N, C-alpha and C. Protein backbone atom coordinates (compact mmCIF):
# COMPACT_ATOMS: atom_id res chain seq x y z
N MET A 1 -4.82 3.32 1.06
CA MET A 1 -5.12 4.67 1.16
C MET A 1 -6.84 4.64 1.66
N THR A 2 -6.92 5.42 2.52
CA THR A 2 -8.31 5.55 3.09
C THR A 2 -8.90 7.21 3.04
N SER A 3 -10.06 7.28 2.65
CA SER A 3 -10.54 8.53 2.84
C SER A 3 -11.80 8.76 3.95
N SER A 4 -11.89 9.94 4.56
CA SER A 4 -12.86 10.10 5.24
C SER A 4 -13.94 10.87 4.72
N GLU A 5 -14.97 11.09 5.65
CA GLU A 5 -16.21 11.69 4.92
C GLU A 5 -15.76 13.41 4.85
N ASP A 6 -14.76 13.89 5.75
CA ASP A 6 -14.57 15.17 5.51
C ASP A 6 -13.47 15.54 4.59
N GLY A 7 -13.14 14.55 3.76
CA GLY A 7 -12.09 14.65 2.62
C GLY A 7 -10.64 14.44 2.93
N HIS A 8 -10.50 13.90 4.16
CA HIS A 8 -8.92 13.77 4.72
C HIS A 8 -8.67 12.24 4.06
N VAL A 9 -7.61 12.29 3.69
CA VAL A 9 -6.81 10.90 2.97
C VAL A 9 -5.73 10.57 3.91
N VAL A 10 -5.72 9.33 4.24
CA VAL A 10 -4.67 8.54 4.86
C VAL A 10 -3.86 7.70 3.99
N ARG A 11 -2.63 7.90 3.92
CA ARG A 11 -1.95 7.16 2.89
C ARG A 11 -0.54 6.83 3.41
N ASP A 12 0.28 5.71 2.50
CA ASP A 12 1.47 5.48 3.15
C ASP A 12 2.52 6.70 2.67
N ALA A 13 3.38 7.06 3.72
CA ALA A 13 4.23 8.18 3.39
C ALA A 13 5.15 7.96 2.40
N ALA A 14 5.69 8.91 1.62
CA ALA A 14 6.52 8.59 0.56
C ALA A 14 7.75 9.66 0.58
N PRO A 15 8.73 9.34 -0.09
CA PRO A 15 10.07 10.27 0.16
C PRO A 15 9.57 11.77 -0.11
N ALA A 16 8.61 12.00 -0.97
CA ALA A 16 8.27 13.47 -1.07
C ALA A 16 7.77 14.06 0.16
N ASP A 17 7.41 13.20 1.16
CA ASP A 17 6.63 13.77 2.32
C ASP A 17 7.67 14.19 3.40
N VAL A 18 8.95 13.98 3.31
CA VAL A 18 9.91 14.15 4.18
C VAL A 18 9.96 15.62 4.75
N ASP A 19 9.87 16.61 4.02
CA ASP A 19 9.83 18.00 4.26
C ASP A 19 8.57 18.29 5.05
N ALA A 20 7.60 17.69 4.58
CA ALA A 20 6.21 18.08 5.47
C ALA A 20 6.25 17.42 6.77
N ILE A 21 6.84 16.13 6.87
CA ILE A 21 6.86 15.48 8.12
C ILE A 21 7.81 16.37 9.02
N MET A 22 8.93 16.79 8.47
CA MET A 22 9.84 17.69 9.48
C MET A 22 9.04 18.85 9.88
N ASP A 23 8.36 19.45 8.90
CA ASP A 23 7.73 20.76 9.38
C ASP A 23 6.69 20.60 10.45
N ILE A 24 6.00 19.39 10.34
CA ILE A 24 4.97 19.05 11.24
C ILE A 24 5.62 18.84 12.67
N GLU A 25 6.50 18.04 12.71
CA GLU A 25 7.24 17.53 13.87
C GLU A 25 7.87 19.10 14.69
N SER A 26 8.31 19.98 13.72
CA SER A 26 8.86 21.25 14.32
C SER A 26 7.83 22.03 15.14
N THR A 27 6.53 21.84 14.90
CA THR A 27 5.51 22.47 15.19
C THR A 27 5.08 21.90 16.65
N GLY A 28 5.18 20.62 16.84
CA GLY A 28 4.61 19.89 17.87
C GLY A 28 5.44 19.00 18.83
N ILE A 29 6.77 18.93 18.44
CA ILE A 29 7.75 17.88 19.24
C ILE A 29 8.89 18.76 19.63
N SER A 30 9.21 18.71 20.96
CA SER A 30 10.37 19.35 21.38
C SER A 30 11.54 19.11 21.01
N HIS A 31 11.70 17.64 20.57
CA HIS A 31 13.08 17.03 20.06
C HIS A 31 12.65 16.33 18.67
N PRO A 32 12.43 17.21 17.65
CA PRO A 32 12.07 16.57 16.50
C PRO A 32 13.19 15.68 15.81
N TRP A 33 12.66 14.49 15.13
CA TRP A 33 13.68 13.73 14.61
C TRP A 33 14.39 14.48 13.47
N ASP A 34 15.55 14.01 12.92
CA ASP A 34 16.28 14.69 12.01
C ASP A 34 15.87 13.98 10.65
N ARG A 35 16.36 14.48 9.67
CA ARG A 35 16.16 14.08 8.11
C ARG A 35 16.19 12.60 7.94
N ASP A 36 17.65 12.18 8.50
CA ASP A 36 17.96 10.73 8.19
C ASP A 36 16.94 9.76 8.84
N SER A 37 16.44 10.07 10.04
CA SER A 37 15.56 9.40 10.73
C SER A 37 14.21 9.20 10.09
N ILE A 38 13.85 10.32 9.70
CA ILE A 38 12.45 10.34 8.85
C ILE A 38 12.67 9.72 7.56
N GLU A 39 13.64 9.80 6.81
CA GLU A 39 13.92 9.22 5.60
C GLU A 39 13.72 7.44 5.93
N ALA A 40 14.43 7.13 7.03
CA ALA A 40 14.48 5.61 7.36
C ALA A 40 13.33 5.21 7.65
N LEU A 41 12.46 5.98 8.28
CA LEU A 41 11.25 5.60 8.70
C LEU A 41 10.33 5.37 7.56
N ILE A 42 10.40 6.10 6.61
CA ILE A 42 9.74 5.90 5.27
C ILE A 42 10.33 4.74 4.36
N ASN A 43 11.49 4.65 4.34
CA ASN A 43 12.22 3.81 3.38
C ASN A 43 12.51 2.39 4.05
N ASN A 44 12.59 2.05 5.34
CA ASN A 44 12.92 0.89 5.94
C ASN A 44 12.10 -0.18 5.93
N VAL A 45 12.23 -1.39 5.47
CA VAL A 45 11.33 -2.39 5.42
C VAL A 45 10.60 -2.70 6.68
N ASN A 46 11.17 -2.62 7.68
CA ASN A 46 10.50 -2.87 9.16
C ASN A 46 10.11 -1.67 9.79
N LYS A 47 9.80 -0.66 9.10
CA LYS A 47 9.12 0.65 9.54
C LYS A 47 7.75 0.99 8.78
N GLU A 48 6.81 1.45 9.34
CA GLU A 48 5.66 1.93 8.65
C GLU A 48 5.27 3.23 8.83
N ALA A 49 5.05 4.17 8.14
CA ALA A 49 4.75 5.48 8.08
C ALA A 49 3.67 5.81 7.27
N LEU A 50 2.48 6.56 7.79
CA LEU A 50 1.39 7.19 7.00
C LEU A 50 1.36 8.56 7.19
N VAL A 51 0.63 9.14 6.47
CA VAL A 51 0.44 10.57 6.47
C VAL A 51 -0.99 10.87 6.19
N VAL A 52 -1.66 11.92 6.82
CA VAL A 52 -2.99 12.31 6.59
C VAL A 52 -2.87 13.84 5.85
N SER A 53 -3.81 13.81 4.75
CA SER A 53 -3.71 14.98 3.97
C SER A 53 -5.15 15.56 3.94
N THR A 54 -5.15 16.93 3.60
CA THR A 54 -6.50 17.57 3.61
C THR A 54 -7.12 17.28 2.15
N GLU A 55 -8.23 17.69 1.88
CA GLU A 55 -8.86 17.42 0.51
C GLU A 55 -7.88 18.11 -0.43
N GLY A 56 -7.38 19.13 -0.09
CA GLY A 56 -6.54 19.83 -1.05
C GLY A 56 -5.20 19.44 -1.18
N GLY A 57 -4.85 18.26 -0.43
CA GLY A 57 -3.50 17.63 -0.69
C GLY A 57 -2.39 18.11 0.22
N GLN A 58 -2.78 18.97 1.08
CA GLN A 58 -1.68 19.30 2.23
C GLN A 58 -1.44 18.27 3.24
N THR A 59 -0.30 17.85 3.58
CA THR A 59 -0.07 16.91 4.49
C THR A 59 -0.09 17.66 5.98
N VAL A 60 -0.94 17.24 6.73
CA VAL A 60 -1.01 17.95 8.24
C VAL A 60 -0.72 17.04 9.26
N GLY A 61 -0.58 15.69 8.95
CA GLY A 61 -0.04 14.84 10.37
C GLY A 61 0.63 13.59 9.72
N TYR A 62 1.15 12.98 10.71
CA TYR A 62 1.81 11.59 10.31
C TYR A 62 1.80 10.64 11.56
N ILE A 63 2.17 9.40 11.27
CA ILE A 63 2.41 8.52 12.28
C ILE A 63 3.47 7.64 11.93
N GLY A 64 4.44 7.02 12.68
CA GLY A 64 5.36 5.98 12.37
C GLY A 64 5.68 5.08 13.32
N ALA A 65 5.80 3.91 12.93
CA ALA A 65 6.17 2.71 13.76
C ALA A 65 7.27 1.85 13.27
N SER A 66 7.92 1.16 14.03
CA SER A 66 8.87 -0.03 13.65
C SER A 66 8.29 -1.35 14.25
N TYR A 67 8.63 -2.29 13.33
CA TYR A 67 8.28 -3.54 13.95
C TYR A 67 9.14 -4.76 13.52
N VAL A 68 9.01 -5.67 14.63
CA VAL A 68 9.86 -6.96 14.32
C VAL A 68 9.02 -8.00 14.80
N LEU A 69 8.83 -9.11 13.88
CA LEU A 69 7.95 -10.14 13.99
C LEU A 69 6.59 -9.73 14.31
N ASP A 70 6.09 -10.09 15.63
CA ASP A 70 4.83 -9.76 15.83
C ASP A 70 4.53 -8.56 16.88
N GLU A 71 5.46 -7.62 16.96
CA GLU A 71 5.45 -6.52 17.88
C GLU A 71 5.92 -5.25 17.04
N ALA A 72 5.26 -4.30 17.49
CA ALA A 72 5.42 -3.02 17.04
C ALA A 72 5.55 -1.97 18.10
N GLU A 73 6.24 -0.84 17.59
CA GLU A 73 6.50 0.27 18.62
C GLU A 73 6.23 1.55 17.78
N ILE A 74 5.16 2.33 18.25
CA ILE A 74 4.95 3.55 17.53
C ILE A 74 5.92 4.70 18.10
N GLY A 75 6.65 5.19 17.20
CA GLY A 75 7.67 6.15 17.39
C GLY A 75 7.13 7.67 17.50
N ASN A 76 6.35 8.11 16.59
CA ASN A 76 5.77 9.49 16.70
C ASN A 76 4.39 9.44 16.06
N ILE A 77 3.73 10.39 16.57
CA ILE A 77 2.27 10.65 15.93
C ILE A 77 2.19 12.12 16.20
N CYS A 78 2.19 12.95 14.99
CA CYS A 78 1.95 14.54 15.31
C CYS A 78 1.09 15.10 14.30
N ILE A 79 0.30 16.00 14.74
CA ILE A 79 -0.67 16.67 13.65
C ILE A 79 -0.34 18.05 13.85
N TYR A 80 -0.47 18.79 13.00
CA TYR A 80 -0.51 20.37 12.81
C TYR A 80 -1.24 20.86 14.09
N PRO A 81 -0.94 21.73 14.82
CA PRO A 81 -1.65 22.36 15.96
C PRO A 81 -3.20 22.70 15.46
N GLU A 82 -3.41 23.30 14.43
CA GLU A 82 -4.59 23.72 13.81
C GLU A 82 -5.43 22.81 13.26
N TYR A 83 -5.00 21.46 13.16
CA TYR A 83 -5.71 20.23 12.68
C TYR A 83 -6.00 19.31 14.02
N ARG A 84 -5.57 19.79 15.17
CA ARG A 84 -5.70 18.74 16.23
C ARG A 84 -7.28 18.91 16.69
N GLY A 85 -7.59 17.82 17.43
CA GLY A 85 -9.22 17.64 17.83
C GLY A 85 -10.11 17.56 16.68
N LYS A 86 -9.61 17.07 15.59
CA LYS A 86 -10.65 16.75 14.55
C LYS A 86 -10.68 15.25 14.07
N GLY A 87 -10.08 14.38 14.99
CA GLY A 87 -10.20 13.00 14.77
C GLY A 87 -9.01 12.30 13.73
N LEU A 88 -8.06 13.34 13.45
CA LEU A 88 -7.22 12.91 12.52
C LEU A 88 -5.94 11.84 13.28
N GLY A 89 -5.74 12.19 14.33
CA GLY A 89 -5.01 11.26 15.12
C GLY A 89 -5.62 9.86 15.31
N ARG A 90 -6.88 9.88 15.43
CA ARG A 90 -7.59 8.48 15.57
C ARG A 90 -7.47 7.89 14.26
N GLU A 91 -7.90 8.52 13.25
CA GLU A 91 -7.51 8.10 11.94
C GLU A 91 -6.40 7.49 11.53
N LEU A 92 -5.27 8.06 11.95
CA LEU A 92 -3.82 7.72 11.65
C LEU A 92 -3.64 6.42 12.36
N LEU A 93 -3.98 6.48 13.79
CA LEU A 93 -3.85 5.32 14.56
C LEU A 93 -4.60 4.08 14.17
N LEU A 94 -5.85 4.18 13.81
CA LEU A 94 -6.48 3.06 13.32
C LEU A 94 -5.99 2.55 12.13
N SER A 95 -5.47 3.30 11.14
CA SER A 95 -5.06 2.92 9.73
C SER A 95 -3.50 2.36 10.10
N LEU A 96 -2.83 2.90 10.96
CA LEU A 96 -1.50 2.21 11.25
C LEU A 96 -1.69 0.74 11.83
N GLU A 97 -2.79 0.61 12.82
CA GLU A 97 -3.02 -0.53 13.44
C GLU A 97 -3.33 -1.57 12.31
N SER A 98 -4.27 -1.20 11.32
CA SER A 98 -4.57 -2.08 10.45
C SER A 98 -3.38 -2.53 9.33
N SER A 99 -2.75 -1.59 9.13
CA SER A 99 -1.44 -1.91 8.11
C SER A 99 -0.62 -2.96 8.86
N LEU A 100 -0.32 -2.65 10.20
CA LEU A 100 0.66 -3.50 11.03
C LEU A 100 0.08 -4.91 11.24
N LYS A 101 -1.24 -4.88 11.44
CA LYS A 101 -2.00 -6.19 11.63
C LYS A 101 -1.75 -7.00 10.27
N ALA A 102 -1.86 -6.42 9.13
CA ALA A 102 -1.76 -7.10 7.92
C ALA A 102 -0.14 -7.60 7.74
N GLN A 103 0.70 -7.09 8.43
CA GLN A 103 2.11 -7.42 8.39
C GLN A 103 2.44 -8.51 9.46
N GLY A 104 1.24 -9.08 10.09
CA GLY A 104 1.55 -9.95 11.24
C GLY A 104 1.76 -9.57 12.59
N VAL A 105 1.59 -8.24 12.84
CA VAL A 105 1.92 -7.68 14.27
C VAL A 105 0.62 -7.94 15.03
N HIS A 106 0.85 -8.36 16.33
CA HIS A 106 -0.18 -8.49 17.18
C HIS A 106 -0.17 -7.73 18.43
N LYS A 107 0.86 -6.87 18.63
CA LYS A 107 1.13 -6.12 19.89
C LYS A 107 1.90 -4.81 19.49
N ILE A 108 1.28 -3.52 19.96
CA ILE A 108 1.84 -2.59 19.74
C ILE A 108 2.10 -1.84 20.95
N PHE A 109 3.35 -1.22 21.17
CA PHE A 109 3.89 -0.49 22.31
C PHE A 109 3.99 0.92 21.99
N LEU A 110 3.98 1.82 22.86
CA LEU A 110 4.20 3.25 22.72
C LEU A 110 4.37 3.75 24.15
N GLU A 111 5.10 5.07 24.01
CA GLU A 111 5.27 5.80 25.16
C GLU A 111 4.83 7.35 24.96
N VAL A 112 4.39 7.87 25.90
CA VAL A 112 4.07 9.40 25.81
C VAL A 112 4.28 10.02 26.92
N GLU A 113 4.71 11.43 26.78
CA GLU A 113 4.77 12.13 28.14
C GLU A 113 3.62 12.40 28.95
N ALA A 114 3.83 12.24 30.17
CA ALA A 114 2.58 12.16 31.20
C ALA A 114 1.88 13.45 30.96
N GLN A 115 2.44 14.54 30.63
CA GLN A 115 1.75 15.80 30.50
C GLN A 115 0.88 15.99 29.04
N ASN A 116 0.92 15.01 28.22
CA ASN A 116 0.47 15.11 27.00
C ASN A 116 -0.87 14.42 26.99
N THR A 117 -1.93 15.19 27.77
CA THR A 117 -3.18 14.73 28.03
C THR A 117 -4.11 14.28 26.95
N GLY A 118 -3.75 15.15 25.84
CA GLY A 118 -4.55 14.86 24.49
C GLY A 118 -4.16 13.59 23.86
N ALA A 119 -2.87 13.19 23.67
CA ALA A 119 -2.43 11.98 23.27
C ALA A 119 -2.81 10.64 24.20
N ILE A 120 -2.83 11.00 25.62
CA ILE A 120 -3.16 9.93 26.42
C ILE A 120 -4.73 9.65 26.21
N ALA A 121 -5.45 10.70 26.23
CA ALA A 121 -6.76 10.46 25.95
C ALA A 121 -7.18 9.63 24.70
N LEU A 122 -6.36 9.91 23.58
CA LEU A 122 -6.49 9.35 22.22
C LEU A 122 -6.09 7.88 22.38
N TYR A 123 -4.95 7.44 23.19
CA TYR A 123 -4.60 6.14 23.35
C TYR A 123 -5.51 5.38 24.16
N GLU A 124 -5.87 5.85 25.25
CA GLU A 124 -6.72 5.39 26.35
C GLU A 124 -8.21 4.98 25.51
N HIS A 125 -8.56 5.83 24.73
CA HIS A 125 -10.09 5.85 24.10
C HIS A 125 -9.77 4.73 23.01
N SER A 126 -8.51 4.54 22.47
CA SER A 126 -8.31 3.64 21.32
C SER A 126 -7.91 2.22 21.90
N GLY A 127 -8.07 2.01 23.14
CA GLY A 127 -7.77 0.75 23.91
C GLY A 127 -6.40 0.28 24.26
N TYR A 128 -5.49 1.10 24.34
CA TYR A 128 -4.30 1.02 24.70
C TYR A 128 -4.32 0.93 26.31
N GLN A 129 -3.55 -0.01 26.86
CA GLN A 129 -3.38 -0.06 28.33
C GLN A 129 -2.19 0.42 29.03
N ARG A 130 -2.14 1.21 30.03
CA ARG A 130 -0.98 1.72 30.61
C ARG A 130 -0.38 0.59 31.39
N TYR A 131 0.83 0.49 31.22
CA TYR A 131 1.48 -0.70 31.93
C TYR A 131 2.80 -0.26 32.70
N ASN A 132 3.39 0.85 32.55
CA ASN A 132 4.52 1.41 33.37
C ASN A 132 4.77 2.75 33.07
N VAL A 133 5.51 3.45 34.04
CA VAL A 133 6.04 4.72 33.82
C VAL A 133 7.46 4.73 33.86
N ARG A 134 8.26 5.55 33.07
CA ARG A 134 9.63 5.81 33.23
C ARG A 134 9.79 7.17 33.69
N SER A 135 10.25 7.46 34.92
CA SER A 135 10.52 8.71 35.60
C SER A 135 11.50 9.48 34.81
N ASN A 136 11.31 10.61 34.63
CA ASN A 136 12.41 11.48 34.17
C ASN A 136 12.89 11.26 32.72
N TYR A 137 12.08 10.44 31.89
CA TYR A 137 12.45 9.93 30.54
C TYR A 137 12.64 11.27 29.67
N TYR A 138 11.90 12.21 29.73
CA TYR A 138 12.04 13.24 28.91
C TYR A 138 12.69 14.33 29.44
N GLY A 139 13.37 14.19 30.49
CA GLY A 139 13.91 15.36 31.23
C GLY A 139 13.48 15.23 32.73
N LYS A 140 14.02 16.15 33.45
CA LYS A 140 13.70 16.21 34.83
C LYS A 140 12.29 16.48 35.07
N GLY A 141 11.50 15.84 35.76
CA GLY A 141 10.21 15.86 36.00
C GLY A 141 9.15 15.62 34.73
N ARG A 142 9.68 15.11 33.78
CA ARG A 142 8.88 14.76 32.57
C ARG A 142 8.84 13.32 32.40
N ASP A 143 7.89 12.56 32.93
CA ASP A 143 7.71 11.03 32.78
C ASP A 143 7.12 10.60 31.46
N ALA A 144 7.67 9.41 31.16
CA ALA A 144 7.14 8.81 30.11
C ALA A 144 6.08 7.53 30.69
N VAL A 145 4.84 7.70 30.13
CA VAL A 145 3.84 6.56 30.38
C VAL A 145 3.92 5.63 29.24
N LEU A 146 3.80 4.38 29.65
CA LEU A 146 4.11 3.38 28.48
C LEU A 146 2.93 2.68 28.29
N TYR A 147 2.39 2.45 27.03
CA TYR A 147 1.13 1.83 26.81
C TYR A 147 1.34 0.45 25.89
N VAL A 148 0.45 -0.41 25.85
CA VAL A 148 0.36 -1.45 25.01
C VAL A 148 -1.07 -1.90 24.53
N LYS A 149 -1.00 -2.33 23.33
CA LYS A 149 -2.35 -2.92 22.80
C LYS A 149 -2.15 -4.19 21.98
N ASN A 150 -2.90 -5.00 22.25
CA ASN A 150 -3.00 -6.25 21.47
C ASN A 150 -4.10 -5.94 20.26
N ILE A 151 -3.75 -6.20 19.03
CA ILE A 151 -4.80 -6.04 17.90
C ILE A 151 -4.77 -7.48 17.19
């Protein structure tokens, strides 16, 4: 668990966080994950899920990844809209990288919709390198940009 100067806390997600994660996803992701997928993210030994909470304890964002051997893939990162632009995504990303590195991961992959300029800025500022594009991955005219980072 890590705390920031502004009172936000990043910690491992727990089963009690499932409803909050589902609500966060419903506000920011066009195809949110179902309950079973989120529960698996929290409970599976080869997955890592972190949440960020306010000083008052409200969960306002999360990040999740799966990993095998020394490689991981970030599945989702999502913050409530009113909490975006405050550095919480970066806090989650850095905490996830640290946790994955402790598990022996050395390379992280992710994909992001090409129109998601906020997420792209976060990833590029955090050292992720663009290596490919998947045309129409998210639907007609909605490409996925693929990133990788060695940690």
